[in-house]
Amino acid sequence: MRKMFSFVLLCFMLVSCDALKGPKGDNGAKGDTGTTGSSGLISTQLYSGTPTSNPYSVSCPVITDLSKQIVEVYAYTPYPQEIIPLPLSGAYELHLYEFYPNLQTIALMSSYTNTNPATSPATALKLSNGTQMSYRIYVKTFSTTSALQAYQRQGTTGEYLKSFCPNSN
């Protein structure tokens, strides 16, 4: 950990980036979820709940333009508290979703493959140990398609460093 910190500090010193000397904070436009900053994120809408059938459909009317929106679907376990990205597939269980953009609907489904033949639980996102998971669907809306693409690329270390020093290579 100490070596990593030293390496990052050394990189910042060698780059001599003016962006690091600028004002700190986020001065972006206001969205439904507050200040969005230069990322171009306008709003994040959360749909959450617990399935009552299998499959289970969730209506997401805020989904209007997928060229500027990202839809993230997660299962949430109460104990231990954990958010799991879907589709989720284990050796004995399959929990997944299907997205119907024209209908603004996401369908959650589950089945157990450890039985012969494979069976489906009464409710989607129910684990074979009996634990009922809930769902969390985030719809992130960006101001432009390029802002959405930049958000999708932000996971690499190189992109992270470039966000601080856009003129460096």
C-alpha atoms as a PDB file:
ATOM      1  CA  MET A   1       0.000   0.000   0.000  1.00  0.00           C
ATOM      2  CA  ARG A   2       2.824   2.362   0.883  1.00  0.00           C
ATOM      3  CA  LYS A   3       4.594   1.607  -2.417  1.00  0.00           C
ATOM      4  CA  MET A   4       1.401   2.319  -4.351  1.00  0.00           C
ATOM      5  CA  PHE A   5       0.978   5.669  -2.600  1.00  0.00           C
ATOM      6  CA  SER A   6       4.592   6.596  -3.327  1.00  0.00           C
ATOM      7  CA  PHE A   7       4.197   5.620  -6.974  1.00  0.00           C
ATOM      8  CA  VAL A   8       1.046   7.714  -7.420  1.00  0.00           C
ATOM      9  CA  LEU A   9       2.645  10.684  -5.652  1.00  0.00           C
ATOM     10  CA  LEU A  10       5.718  10.406  -7.867  1.00  0.00           C
ATOM     11  CA  CYS A  11       3.531  10.279 -10.993  1.00  0.00           C
ATOM     12  CA  PHE A  12       1.718  13.451  -9.994  1.00  0.00           C
ATOM     13  CA  MET A  13       5.001  15.260  -9.310  1.00  0.00           C
ATOM     14  CA  LEU A  14       6.485  14.214 -12.658  1.00  0.00           C
ATOM     15  CA  VAL A  15       3.447  15.159 -14.694  1.00  0.00           C
ATOM     16  CA  SER A  16       3.349  18.790 -13.433  1.00  0.00           C
ATOM     17  CA  CYS A  17      -0.316  19.076 -14.193  1.00  0.00           C
ATOM     18  CA  ASP A  18      -1.950  22.497 -13.829  1.00  0.00           C
ATOM     19  CA  ALA A  19      -5.311  20.820 -13.229  1.00  0.00           C
ATOM     20  CA  LEU A  20      -4.092  19.705  -9.807  1.00  0.00           C
ATOM     21  CA  LYS A  21      -3.531  23.334  -8.802  1.00  0.00           C
ATOM     22  CA  GLY A  22      -7.036  24.457  -9.796  1.00  0.00           C
ATOM     23  CA  PRO A  23     -10.050  24.906  -7.540  1.00  0.00           C
ATOM     24  CA  LYS A  24     -11.334  21.772  -5.890  1.00  0.00           C
ATOM     25  CA  GLY A  25     -14.955  20.774  -5.689  1.00  0.00           C
ATOM     26  CA  ASP A  26     -17.743  20.132  -8.121  1.00  0.00           C
ATOM     27  CA  ASN A  27     -19.290  23.119  -9.863  1.00  0.00           C
ATOM     28  CA  GLY A  28     -21.552  21.310 -12.318  1.00  0.00           C
ATOM     29  CA  ALA A  29     -25.217  21.691 -13.115  1.00  0.00           C
ATOM     30  CA  LYS A  30     -27.944  20.599 -10.741  1.00  0.00           C
ATOM     31  CA  GLY A  31     -29.743  17.352 -11.511  1.00  0.00           C
ATOM     32  CA  ASP A  32     -32.424  15.300  -9.777  1.00  0.00           C
ATOM     33  CA  THR A  33     -29.795  13.955  -7.404  1.00  0.00           C
ATOM     34  CA  GLY A  34     -27.943  17.205  -6.732  1.00  0.00           C
ATOM     35  CA  THR A  35     -24.729  18.630  -8.116  1.00  0.00           C
ATOM     36  CA  THR A  36     -23.426  16.602 -11.021  1.00  0.00           C
ATOM     37  CA  GLY A  37     -20.111  18.213 -11.871  1.00  0.00           C
ATOM     38  CA  SER A  38     -18.132  17.969 -15.057  1.00  0.00           C
ATOM     39  CA  SER A  39     -18.972  14.279 -15.537  1.00  0.00           C
ATOM     40  CA  GLY A  40     -22.126  15.192 -17.454  1.00  0.00           C
ATOM     41  CA  LEU A  41     -24.304  13.081 -15.159  1.00  0.00           C
ATOM     42  CA  ILE A  42     -27.692  14.802 -15.007  1.00  0.00           C
ATOM     43  CA  SER A  43     -29.625  12.419 -12.775  1.00  0.00           C
ATOM     44  CA  THR A  44     -29.709   8.978 -11.215  1.00  0.00           C
ATOM     45  CA  GLN A  45     -33.086   7.318 -10.705  1.00  0.00           C
ATOM     46  CA  LEU A  46     -33.287   4.354  -8.322  1.00  0.00           C
ATOM     47  CA  TYR A  47     -35.949   1.662  -8.542  1.00  0.00           C
ATOM     48  CA  SER A  48     -35.853  -0.809  -5.657  1.00  0.00           C
ATOM     49  CA  GLY A  49     -38.036  -3.417  -4.057  1.00  0.00           C
ATOM     50  CA  THR A  50     -38.542  -7.119  -3.494  1.00  0.00           C
ATOM     51  CA  PRO A  51     -39.888  -9.434  -6.205  1.00  0.00           C
ATOM     52  CA  THR A  52     -43.247 -11.069  -5.474  1.00  0.00           C
ATOM     53  CA  SER A  53     -43.287 -13.470  -8.438  1.00  0.00           C
ATOM     54  CA  ASN A  54     -40.926 -15.283 -10.805  1.00  0.00           C
ATOM     55  CA  PRO A  55     -40.394 -13.756 -13.314  1.00  0.00           C
ATOM     56  CA  TYR A  56     -40.976 -10.297 -11.896  1.00  0.00           C
ATOM     57  CA  SER A  57     -41.297  -7.134 -14.022  1.00  0.00           C
ATOM     58  CA  VAL A  58     -40.174  -3.665 -12.968  1.00  0.00           C
ATOM     59  CA  SER A  59     -41.483  -0.655 -14.888  1.00  0.00           C
ATOM     60  CA  CYS A  60     -38.866   2.075 -15.372  1.00  0.00           C
ATOM     61  CA  PRO A  61     -40.601   4.984 -17.155  1.00  0.00           C
ATOM     62  CA  VAL A  62     -37.530   7.219 -16.827  1.00  0.00           C
ATOM     63  CA  ILE A  63     -35.773   5.113 -19.504  1.00  0.00           C
ATOM     64  CA  THR A  64     -36.224   7.223 -22.621  1.00  0.00           C
ATOM     65  CA  ASP A  65     -32.921   7.550 -24.524  1.00  0.00           C
ATOM     66  CA  LEU A  66     -30.372   4.755 -24.218  1.00  0.00           C
ATOM     67  CA  SER A  67     -27.817   6.770 -26.180  1.00  0.00           C
ATOM     68  CA  LYS A  68     -27.533   8.959 -23.060  1.00  0.00           C
ATOM     69  CA  GLN A  69     -28.547   6.500 -20.335  1.00  0.00           C
ATOM     70  CA  ILE A  70     -27.006   3.558 -18.521  1.00  0.00           C
ATOM     71  CA  VAL A  71     -29.167   0.962 -16.785  1.00  0.00           C
ATOM     72  CA  GLU A  72     -27.474  -0.961 -13.946  1.00  0.00           C
ATOM     73  CA  VAL A  73     -29.289  -3.889 -12.323  1.00  0.00           C
ATOM     74  CA  TYR A  74     -28.260  -5.311  -8.939  1.00  0.00           C
ATOM     75  CA  ALA A  75     -29.467  -7.862  -6.422  1.00  0.00           C
ATOM     76  CA  TYR A  76     -29.225  -6.839  -2.775  1.00  0.00           C
ATOM     77  CA  THR A  77     -28.729  -9.368  -0.002  1.00  0.00           C
ATOM     78  CA  PRO A  78     -29.772  -8.359   3.508  1.00  0.00           C
ATOM     79  CA  TYR A  79     -27.150 -10.445   5.325  1.00  0.00           C
ATOM     80  CA  PRO A  80     -24.361  -9.956   4.748  1.00  0.00           C
ATOM     81  CA  GLN A  81     -25.298  -6.629   3.208  1.00  0.00           C
ATOM     82  CA  GLU A  82     -24.031  -6.921  -0.338  1.00  0.00           C
ATOM     83  CA  ILE A  83     -24.951  -5.490  -3.728  1.00  0.00           C
ATOM     84  CA  ILE A  84     -24.384  -7.985  -6.542  1.00  0.00           C
ATOM     85  CA  PRO A  85     -24.428  -6.939 -10.208  1.00  0.00           C
ATOM     86  CA  LEU A  86     -26.793  -8.999 -12.367  1.00  0.00           C
ATOM     87  CA  PRO A  87     -26.773 -11.180 -14.397  1.00  0.00           C
ATOM     88  CA  LEU A  88     -25.568 -13.449 -11.637  1.00  0.00           C
ATOM     89  CA  SER A  89     -24.830 -17.075 -12.283  1.00  0.00           C
ATOM     90  CA  GLY A  90     -23.515 -19.581  -9.763  1.00  0.00           C
ATOM     91  CA  ALA A  91     -22.916 -23.304  -9.953  1.00  0.00           C
ATOM     92  CA  TYR A  92     -26.352 -24.074  -8.541  1.00  0.00           C
ATOM     93  CA  GLU A  93     -28.337 -20.905  -9.048  1.00  0.00           C
ATOM     94  CA  LEU A  94     -29.102 -18.549 -11.888  1.00  0.00           C
ATOM     95  CA  HIS A  95     -30.409 -15.036 -11.245  1.00  0.00           C
ATOM     96  CA  LEU A  96     -30.646 -12.754 -14.235  1.00  0.00           C
ATOM     97  CA  TYR A  97     -32.636 -10.048 -15.934  1.00  0.00           C
ATOM     98  CA  GLU A  98     -33.940  -9.191 -19.379  1.00  0.00           C
ATOM     99  CA  PHE A  99     -34.308  -5.620 -20.543  1.00  0.00           C
ATOM    100  CA  TYR A 100     -37.162  -4.522 -22.795  1.00  0.00           C
ATOM    101  CA  PRO A 101     -36.254  -0.915 -23.722  1.00  0.00           C
ATOM    102  CA  ASN A 102     -39.358  -0.278 -25.844  1.00  0.00           C
ATOM    103  CA  LEU A 103     -41.533  -1.291 -22.910  1.00  0.00           C
ATOM    104  CA  GLN A 104     -39.335   0.498 -20.340  1.00  0.00           C
ATOM    105  CA  THR A 105     -39.391  -2.763 -18.392  1.00  0.00           C
ATOM    106  CA  ILE A 106     -36.833  -4.993 -16.708  1.00  0.00           C
ATOM    107  CA  ALA A 107     -37.810  -8.606 -15.964  1.00  0.00           C
ATOM    108  CA  LEU A 108     -36.014 -10.420 -13.130  1.00  0.00           C
ATOM    109  CA  MET A 109     -35.840 -14.233 -13.175  1.00  0.00           C
ATOM    110  CA  SER A 110     -34.326 -17.018 -11.065  1.00  0.00           C
ATOM    111  CA  SER A 111     -33.895 -20.775 -11.295  1.00  0.00           C
ATOM    112  CA  TYR A 112     -32.029 -23.514  -9.460  1.00  0.00           C
ATOM    113  CA  THR A 113     -29.897 -25.838 -11.546  1.00  0.00           C
ATOM    114  CA  ASN A 114     -28.902 -28.158  -8.710  1.00  0.00           C
ATOM    115  CA  THR A 115     -32.164 -30.080  -8.956  1.00  0.00           C
ATOM    116  CA  ASN A 116     -33.167 -32.482 -11.683  1.00  0.00           C
ATOM    117  CA  PRO A 117     -34.964 -31.081 -13.578  1.00  0.00           C
ATOM    118  CA  ALA A 118     -34.064 -27.453 -12.893  1.00  0.00           C
ATOM    119  CA  THR A 119     -36.706 -25.704 -10.813  1.00  0.00           C
ATOM    120  CA  SER A 120     -37.700 -22.108 -10.321  1.00  0.00           C
ATOM    121  CA  PRO A 121     -38.379 -20.504  -6.944  1.00  0.00           C
ATOM    122  CA  ALA A 122     -41.741 -18.835  -6.350  1.00  0.00           C
ATOM    123  CA  THR A 123     -40.120 -15.391  -6.358  1.00  0.00           C
ATOM    124  CA  ALA A 124     -37.251 -14.017  -8.428  1.00  0.00           C
ATOM    125  CA  LEU A 125     -33.919 -13.394  -6.682  1.00  0.00           C
ATOM    126  CA  LYS A 126     -34.613 -16.006  -4.002  1.00  0.00           C
ATOM    127  CA  LEU A 127     -31.506 -17.965  -3.039  1.00  0.00           C
ATOM    128  CA  SER A 128     -31.633 -21.740  -2.667  1.00  0.00           C
ATOM    129  CA  ASN A 129     -30.898 -21.287   1.059  1.00  0.00           C
ATOM    130  CA  GLY A 130     -34.218 -19.421   1.363  1.00  0.00           C
ATOM    131  CA  THR A 131     -32.832 -15.875   1.495  1.00  0.00           C
ATOM    132  CA  GLN A 132     -34.931 -13.454  -0.527  1.00  0.00           C
ATOM    133  CA  MET A 133     -32.841 -10.791  -2.237  1.00  0.00           C
ATOM    134  CA  SER A 134     -34.262  -7.455  -3.310  1.00  0.00           C
ATOM    135  CA  TYR A 135     -33.418  -5.522  -6.469  1.00  0.00           C
ATOM    136  CA  ARG A 136     -31.876  -2.139  -7.128  1.00  0.00           C
ATOM    137  CA  ILE A 137     -32.049  -0.661 -10.610  1.00  0.00           C
ATOM    138  CA  TYR A 138     -30.133   2.539 -11.297  1.00  0.00           C
ATOM    139  CA  VAL A 139     -30.899   4.571 -14.427  1.00  0.00           C
ATOM    140  CA  LYS A 140     -28.145   7.138 -14.963  1.00  0.00           C
ATOM    141  CA  THR A 141     -28.883   9.928 -17.428  1.00  0.00           C
ATOM    142  CA  PHE A 142     -26.045  11.920 -18.989  1.00  0.00           C
ATOM    143  CA  SER A 143     -26.111  15.256 -20.794  1.00  0.00           C
ATOM    144  CA  THR A 144     -24.477  13.872 -23.945  1.00  0.00           C
ATOM    145  CA  THR A 145     -23.520  10.567 -25.525  1.00  0.00           C
ATOM    146  CA  SER A 146     -19.836  11.468 -25.154  1.00  0.00           C
ATOM    147  CA  ALA A 147     -20.320  12.035 -21.403  1.00  0.00           C
ATOM    148  CA  LEU A 148     -21.883   8.570 -21.150  1.00  0.00           C
ATOM    149  CA  GLN A 149     -18.951   7.046 -23.054  1.00  0.00           C
ATOM    150  CA  ALA A 150     -16.433   8.808 -20.803  1.00  0.00           C
ATOM    151  CA  TYR A 151     -18.248   7.407 -17.754  1.00  0.00           C
ATOM    152  CA  GLN A 152     -18.062   3.895 -19.215  1.00  0.00           C
ATOM    153  CA  ARG A 153     -14.298   4.240 -19.765  1.00  0.00           C
ATOM    154  CA  GLN A 154     -13.481   5.608 -16.316  1.00  0.00           C
ATOM    155  CA  GLY A 155     -12.627   2.205 -14.841  1.00  0.00           C
ATOM    156  CA  THR A 156      -9.002   2.049 -16.033  1.00  0.00           C
ATOM    157  CA  THR A 157      -6.129   3.557 -14.076  1.00  0.00           C
ATOM    158  CA  GLY A 158      -5.006   5.454 -17.173  1.00  0.00           C
ATOM    159  CA  GLU A 159      -8.380   7.124 -17.593  1.00  0.00           C
ATOM    160  CA  TYR A 160      -8.465   7.935 -13.881  1.00  0.00           C
ATOM    161  CA  LEU A 161      -5.109   9.728 -14.073  1.00  0.00           C
ATOM    162  CA  LYS A 162      -6.118  11.514 -17.283  1.00  0.00           C
ATOM    163  CA  SER A 163      -9.184  12.879 -15.516  1.00  0.00           C
ATOM    164  CA  PHE A 164      -6.801  14.842 -13.269  1.00  0.00           C
ATOM    165  CA  CYS A 165      -4.333  15.785 -16.014  1.00  0.00           C
ATOM    166  CA  PRO A 166      -6.182  15.938 -19.343  1.00  0.00           C
ATOM    167  CA  ASN A 167      -3.166  17.395 -21.231  1.00  0.00           C
ATOM    168  CA  SER A 168      -0.724  14.685 -20.153  1.00  0.00           C
ATOM    169  CA  ASN A 169       0.033  11.442 -21.985  1.00  0.00           C
END
